[in-house]
Amino acid sequence: MTPYALAVDLGGTKVEAALVDASGALLPASRHRRPTGATSTSDQLAAAVTEAVRDALASLPDGATLLGAGIGSAGPIAGTTGDVSPLNLGAWRDYPLGALVGQQLPDLPVALRMDGICIALAEVWLGAAQGESNVMGMIVSTGVGGGLILGGRVIAGPTGNAGHIGHVAVAGFDDLCACGARGCLEAIASGPRTVAWAREHGFTGGTGEQLSAAAAAGDVVARQAIERSATAVGRAIASASALVDLDVVAIGGGFSHVSDDYIALVGAAVSTHSDFGFVTKTRVVASGLSGEGPLVGAAALVHRADLLG
């Protein structure tokens, strides 16, 4: 029977787990979600992960082979040890997430990388960046994450946090970030921070969904907030491309769907950034895998370990 990988995706609002086969297809009914959130305690986060993993594993077909687990986590992480310190989950600092998942997979390997790296892997494997060698995968959601594949190999860095574009400073902005710095892309462009900016300028809604609906209905402030986010993302991508010469940036995450033209707005900010052709030629595309991308990318840590370098 087809071998499966357990895929786990940990983010600022939820954790998901599913079984994914060697072709990158999620096993129907194996996908399970639990809430996380900034106010969750360490025990609550651990319970959420454990329950999602347990329910996913319960769907493993009789006689099927489980190869191991791949975990994508919001950053920062600590190398490849499996420890995580997600900025938006304050209860977990140097928490052994890999070991927690491993408790339910005795004697099987567990691999953990930043969620941005998993997005990049998913897009190169099955998504919008197939055939490309110099790629950034991005998530624009509760936070802003990124991961790099250069020369066909994942670039993780000594701490596992290379490509974390959410904490690159963007020229022209001074927003205070939860990491302690100012002008970080995440502090400007993430869903919650974009909604907060809009509220400071008169918007009365409280969610990204409400911001999206208001902008579509002609709310000027809501539209300005969306354009501000997309412009900041585009400027950060252009700076990243000036540094590492990217061909493609694939963007996923819930807030990247806040408007039908969000990806186009990001691309326009890149294409008009400077006179350097090697920067402005960088293509910005939407994730080709929709909401399955993070789980497919986590599974790629098992099924496409050849890309990890």
Protein backbone atom coordinates (compact mmCIF):
# COMPACT_ATOMS: atom_id res chain seq x y z
CA MET A 1 0.00 0.00 0.00
CA THR A 2 1.03 3.62 -0.45
CA PRO A 3 3.34 4.83 2.33
CA TYR A 4 2.14 7.84 4.28
CA ALA A 5 3.73 10.71 6.17
CA LEU A 6 2.11 12.37 9.14
CA ALA A 7 2.04 16.11 8.37
CA VAL A 8 1.65 18.69 11.13
CA ASP A 9 1.29 22.45 10.68
CA LEU A 10 1.52 24.68 13.76
CA GLY A 11 0.42 28.30 13.45
CA GLY A 12 -0.71 31.23 15.52
CA THR A 13 -4.42 30.36 15.45
CA LYS A 14 -4.54 26.62 14.77
CA VAL A 15 -2.67 23.35 14.48
CA GLU A 16 -3.53 20.86 11.76
CA ALA A 17 -2.49 17.27 11.17
CA ALA A 18 -3.15 14.89 8.28
CA LEU A 19 -1.80 11.83 6.51
CA VAL A 20 -0.21 12.55 3.13
CA ASP A 21 0.84 9.95 0.57
CA ALA A 22 3.96 9.92 -1.59
CA SER A 23 2.19 11.80 -4.38
CA GLY A 24 1.34 14.66 -2.03
CA ALA A 25 -2.35 13.81 -1.71
CA LEU A 26 -4.04 14.17 1.67
CA LEU A 27 -5.89 11.07 2.85
CA PRO A 28 -9.61 11.91 2.98
CA ALA A 29 -10.95 12.26 6.52
CA SER A 30 -7.46 12.27 8.06
CA ARG A 31 -7.23 16.07 8.31
CA HIS A 32 -7.89 17.37 11.80
CA ARG A 33 -7.62 20.85 13.32
CA ARG A 34 -7.46 22.27 16.82
CA PRO A 35 -7.27 25.92 17.93
CA THR A 36 -4.05 27.43 19.31
CA GLY A 37 -3.90 31.21 19.91
CA ALA A 38 -1.81 33.76 21.75
CA THR A 39 -3.67 33.28 25.04
CA SER A 40 -3.29 29.48 25.13
CA THR A 41 -1.26 27.95 27.93
CA SER A 42 1.54 25.49 27.27
CA ASP A 43 -0.66 22.59 28.37
CA GLN A 44 -3.48 23.74 26.09
CA LEU A 45 -1.12 23.96 23.12
CA ALA A 46 0.30 20.52 23.85
CA ALA A 47 -3.20 19.07 24.12
CA ALA A 48 -4.23 20.66 20.82
CA VAL A 49 -1.23 19.17 19.00
CA THR A 50 -1.64 15.77 20.65
CA GLU A 51 -5.34 15.55 19.82
CA ALA A 52 -4.88 16.59 16.17
CA VAL A 53 -2.05 14.09 15.70
CA ARG A 54 -3.95 11.30 17.45
CA ASP A 55 -7.01 11.80 15.29
CA ALA A 56 -4.98 11.90 12.08
CA LEU A 57 -3.12 8.71 12.96
CA ALA A 58 -6.42 6.97 13.68
CA SER A 59 -7.20 7.28 9.96
CA LEU A 60 -4.18 5.23 8.85
CA PRO A 61 -5.54 2.40 6.68
CA ASP A 62 -5.01 -1.16 7.86
CA GLY A 63 -1.72 -2.49 6.56
CA ALA A 64 -0.47 0.91 5.40
CA THR A 65 3.08 2.04 6.14
CA LEU A 66 3.81 5.19 8.10
CA LEU A 67 7.25 6.58 7.23
CA GLY A 68 7.51 9.31 9.85
CA ALA A 69 6.34 12.82 10.60
CA GLY A 70 7.06 16.22 9.09
CA ILE A 71 6.25 19.35 11.09
CA GLY A 72 6.03 22.91 9.85
CA SER A 73 6.06 25.48 12.66
CA ALA A 74 5.71 29.21 12.89
CA GLY A 75 9.08 30.68 13.80
CA PRO A 76 11.45 31.09 15.33
CA ILE A 77 12.65 27.52 15.68
CA ALA A 78 15.89 26.11 17.10
CA GLY A 79 17.87 24.43 14.35
CA THR A 80 16.71 20.92 13.46
CA THR A 81 16.30 19.73 17.05
CA GLY A 82 12.51 19.98 16.99
CA ASP A 83 12.36 22.81 19.55
CA VAL A 84 10.21 25.85 18.76
CA SER A 85 9.60 29.36 20.08
CA PRO A 86 6.77 30.75 17.91
CA LEU A 87 6.53 34.50 18.38
CA ASN A 88 2.72 34.42 18.31
CA LEU A 89 2.46 31.56 20.85
CA GLY A 90 4.05 33.10 23.92
CA ALA A 91 3.57 30.05 26.14
CA TRP A 92 6.06 28.05 24.11
CA ARG A 93 9.70 29.06 24.33
CA ASP A 94 12.25 26.38 23.36
CA TYR A 95 9.40 23.90 23.52
CA PRO A 96 10.19 20.34 22.30
CA LEU A 97 7.42 20.09 19.71
CA GLY A 98 9.25 17.42 17.73
CA ALA A 99 9.52 15.24 20.81
CA LEU A 100 5.84 15.78 21.63
CA VAL A 101 4.79 14.52 18.21
CA GLY A 102 7.38 11.75 18.36
CA GLN A 103 5.73 10.31 21.45
CA GLN A 104 2.92 9.12 19.22
CA LEU A 105 5.27 7.68 16.57
CA PRO A 106 7.68 5.44 18.49
CA ASP A 107 10.83 4.54 16.54
CA LEU A 108 9.88 6.69 13.52
CA PRO A 109 11.77 9.80 12.37
CA VAL A 110 10.36 13.27 12.99
CA ALA A 111 11.57 16.27 10.97
CA LEU A 112 10.72 19.89 11.80
CA ARG A 113 11.32 23.07 9.81
CA MET A 114 9.86 26.57 9.70
CA ASP A 115 6.46 26.79 8.05
CA GLY A 116 7.87 29.06 5.36
CA ILE A 117 10.32 26.38 4.31
CA CYS A 118 7.47 23.90 4.14
CA ILE A 119 5.51 26.25 1.88
CA ALA A 120 8.53 26.57 -0.41
CA LEU A 121 8.92 22.78 -0.54
CA ALA A 122 5.24 22.30 -1.33
CA GLU A 123 5.29 24.83 -4.15
CA VAL A 124 8.41 23.35 -5.75
CA TRP A 125 7.12 19.79 -5.37
CA LEU A 126 3.53 20.17 -6.52
CA GLY A 127 2.53 23.83 -6.60
CA ALA A 128 3.12 27.08 -8.43
CA ALA A 129 6.94 26.85 -8.47
CA GLN A 130 7.42 23.43 -10.06
CA GLY A 131 10.58 23.32 -12.14
CA GLU A 132 12.07 26.36 -10.39
CA SER A 133 15.33 26.34 -8.43
CA ASN A 134 15.41 29.76 -6.75
CA VAL A 135 12.20 30.18 -4.83
CA MET A 136 10.81 31.84 -1.74
CA GLY A 137 7.67 30.44 -0.19
CA MET A 138 5.71 32.92 1.92
CA ILE A 139 2.83 32.85 4.35
CA VAL A 140 0.79 35.98 5.03
CA SER A 141 -1.59 35.15 7.84
CA THR A 142 -1.57 35.66 11.62
CA GLY A 143 2.15 36.20 11.08
CA VAL A 144 4.36 36.53 8.02
CA GLY A 145 6.81 33.71 7.33
CA GLY A 146 9.13 32.68 4.56
CA GLY A 147 11.46 29.96 3.40
CA LEU A 148 14.16 29.75 0.74
CA ILE A 149 15.14 27.19 -1.86
CA LEU A 150 18.24 28.31 -3.75
CA GLY A 151 19.99 26.25 -6.38
CA GLY A 152 17.38 23.57 -5.80
CA ARG A 153 18.19 23.09 -2.11
CA VAL A 154 16.57 24.33 1.07
CA ILE A 155 18.52 27.07 2.82
CA ALA A 156 17.80 26.79 6.54
CA GLY A 157 20.84 28.37 8.19
CA PRO A 158 22.49 27.25 11.44
CA THR A 159 19.41 28.00 13.57
CA GLY A 160 16.82 26.92 11.03
CA ASN A 161 15.48 30.45 10.61
CA ALA A 162 16.98 31.54 7.29
CA GLY A 163 14.33 33.08 5.05
CA HIS A 164 12.22 34.42 7.93
CA ILE A 165 11.21 37.45 5.88
CA GLY A 166 8.57 38.48 8.39
CA HIS A 167 11.32 40.05 10.47
CA VAL A 168 13.08 41.92 7.70
CA ALA A 169 12.69 45.69 8.12
CA VAL A 170 10.80 47.45 5.34
CA ALA A 171 11.83 50.96 4.32
CA GLY A 172 9.27 53.66 5.00
CA PHE A 173 7.58 51.95 7.95
CA ASP A 174 8.14 52.25 11.70
CA ASP A 175 5.56 49.86 13.18
CA LEU A 176 6.65 48.27 16.46
CA CYS A 177 6.96 44.49 16.17
CA ALA A 178 6.36 41.95 18.93
CA CYS A 179 9.95 40.81 18.40
CA GLY A 180 11.16 44.17 19.75
CA ALA A 181 12.29 45.71 16.46
CA ARG A 182 10.60 48.38 14.38
CA GLY A 183 9.49 48.21 10.76
CA CYS A 184 9.33 44.41 10.55
CA LEU A 185 7.22 43.12 7.68
CA GLU A 186 5.09 41.05 10.07
CA ALA A 187 4.27 44.15 12.14
CA ILE A 188 3.06 45.92 9.01
CA ALA A 189 1.49 43.30 6.78
CA SER A 190 0.09 40.42 8.84
CA GLY A 191 -3.67 40.03 9.06
CA PRO A 192 -4.06 41.17 12.69
CA ARG A 193 -1.70 44.12 12.30
CA THR A 194 -3.39 45.25 9.08
CA VAL A 195 -6.77 45.15 10.78
CA ALA A 196 -5.30 47.08 13.73
CA TRP A 197 -3.96 49.77 11.38
CA ALA A 198 -7.35 50.06 9.72
CA ARG A 199 -9.08 50.42 13.10
CA GLU A 200 -6.66 53.21 14.03
CA HIS A 201 -7.88 55.01 10.90
CA GLY A 202 -11.61 54.59 11.43
CA PHE A 203 -12.45 51.02 10.39
CA THR A 204 -14.93 49.53 12.86
CA GLY A 205 -14.57 45.82 12.07
CA GLY A 206 -12.35 43.43 13.95
CA THR A 207 -11.34 40.59 11.61
CA GLY A 208 -9.62 40.03 8.31
CA GLU A 209 -12.86 38.68 6.87
CA GLN A 210 -14.66 41.88 7.83
CA LEU A 211 -11.84 43.97 6.37
CA SER A 212 -12.10 42.04 3.12
CA ALA A 213 -15.86 42.51 2.91
CA ALA A 214 -15.60 46.21 3.71
CA ALA A 215 -12.96 46.80 1.05
CA ALA A 216 -15.04 44.94 -1.53
CA ALA A 217 -18.00 47.17 -0.60
CA GLY A 218 -15.97 50.33 -1.20
CA ASP A 219 -14.64 51.18 2.28
CA VAL A 220 -11.69 53.47 1.53
CA VAL A 221 -9.80 52.80 4.77
CA ALA A 222 -10.17 49.03 4.42
CA ARG A 223 -8.82 49.22 0.89
CA GLN A 224 -5.91 51.43 1.99
CA ALA A 225 -5.03 48.91 4.69
CA ILE A 226 -4.94 46.06 2.18
CA GLU A 227 -2.81 48.07 -0.23
CA ARG A 228 -0.46 49.02 2.61
CA SER A 229 0.04 45.37 3.50
CA ALA A 230 0.63 44.28 -0.09
CA THR A 231 3.06 47.14 -0.74
CA ALA A 232 5.13 46.22 2.30
CA VAL A 233 5.23 42.57 1.23
CA GLY A 234 6.33 43.59 -2.24
CA ARG A 235 9.10 45.85 -0.95
CA ALA A 236 10.39 43.08 1.31
CA ILE A 237 10.38 40.60 -1.59
CA ALA A 238 12.29 43.05 -3.78
CA SER A 239 14.92 43.48 -1.08
CA ALA A 240 15.18 39.72 -0.66
CA SER A 241 15.60 39.28 -4.39
CA ALA A 242 18.32 41.92 -4.45
CA LEU A 243 20.14 39.75 -1.91
CA VAL A 244 19.62 36.24 -3.28
CA ASP A 245 18.31 36.69 -6.87
CA LEU A 246 14.91 35.01 -6.63
CA ASP A 247 13.01 33.77 -9.67
CA VAL A 248 9.64 33.07 -8.03
CA VAL A 249 7.89 33.93 -4.78
CA ALA A 250 4.80 31.83 -4.02
CA ILE A 251 2.45 33.31 -1.40
CA GLY A 252 -0.12 31.43 0.64
CA GLY A 253 -1.84 31.98 3.97
CA GLY A 254 -5.32 33.17 4.83
CA PHE A 255 -4.67 36.91 4.62
CA SER A 256 -3.24 36.59 1.11
CA HIS A 257 -6.88 36.05 0.04
CA VAL A 258 -8.12 39.28 1.64
CA SER A 259 -8.74 40.74 -1.83
CA ASP A 260 -8.88 39.25 -5.30
CA ASP A 261 -5.95 41.40 -6.41
CA TYR A 262 -3.71 41.04 -3.33
CA ILE A 263 -1.07 39.00 -5.17
CA ALA A 264 -1.18 41.41 -8.10
CA LEU A 265 -0.65 44.34 -5.73
CA VAL A 266 2.40 42.60 -4.25
CA GLY A 267 3.75 41.89 -7.73
CA ALA A 268 3.29 45.51 -8.76
CA ALA A 269 5.31 46.68 -5.76
CA VAL A 270 8.13 44.35 -6.81
CA SER A 271 8.06 45.26 -10.49
CA THR A 272 8.30 49.01 -9.79
CA HIS A 273 10.78 48.78 -6.91
CA SER A 274 13.97 49.78 -8.72
CA ASP A 275 15.74 49.84 -12.08
CA PHE A 276 17.50 46.53 -11.44
CA GLY A 277 16.11 43.94 -13.80
CA PHE A 278 17.31 41.02 -11.70
CA VAL A 279 15.08 42.34 -8.90
CA THR A 280 12.01 43.37 -10.87
CA LYS A 281 11.95 40.13 -12.92
CA THR A 282 10.98 38.20 -9.77
CA ARG A 283 7.56 36.67 -10.34
CA VAL A 284 5.02 36.78 -7.53
CA VAL A 285 2.39 34.04 -7.68
CA ALA A 286 -0.36 32.70 -5.49
CA SER A 287 0.18 29.34 -3.86
CA GLY A 288 -0.86 26.56 -6.21
CA LEU A 289 -2.04 24.41 -3.31
CA SER A 290 -4.58 26.59 -1.54
CA GLY A 291 -5.13 25.65 2.08
CA GLU A 292 -3.41 22.29 1.74
CA GLY A 293 0.01 23.84 1.08
CA PRO A 294 1.36 23.86 4.65
CA LEU A 295 0.46 20.19 5.19
CA VAL A 296 1.80 19.13 1.80
CA GLY A 297 5.02 20.99 2.63
CA ALA A 298 5.31 19.34 6.03
CA ALA A 299 4.87 15.96 4.35
CA ALA A 300 7.61 16.90 1.88
CA LEU A 301 10.05 16.83 4.81
CA VAL A 302 9.50 13.08 4.71
CA HIS A 303 8.65 12.32 1.07
CA ARG A 304 11.07 14.84 -0.51
CA ALA A 305 13.92 14.80 1.95
CA ASP A 306 16.23 14.97 -1.08
CA LEU A 307 15.48 18.70 -1.27
CA LEU A 308 16.68 19.40 2.26
CA GLY A 309 20.38 19.30 1.35
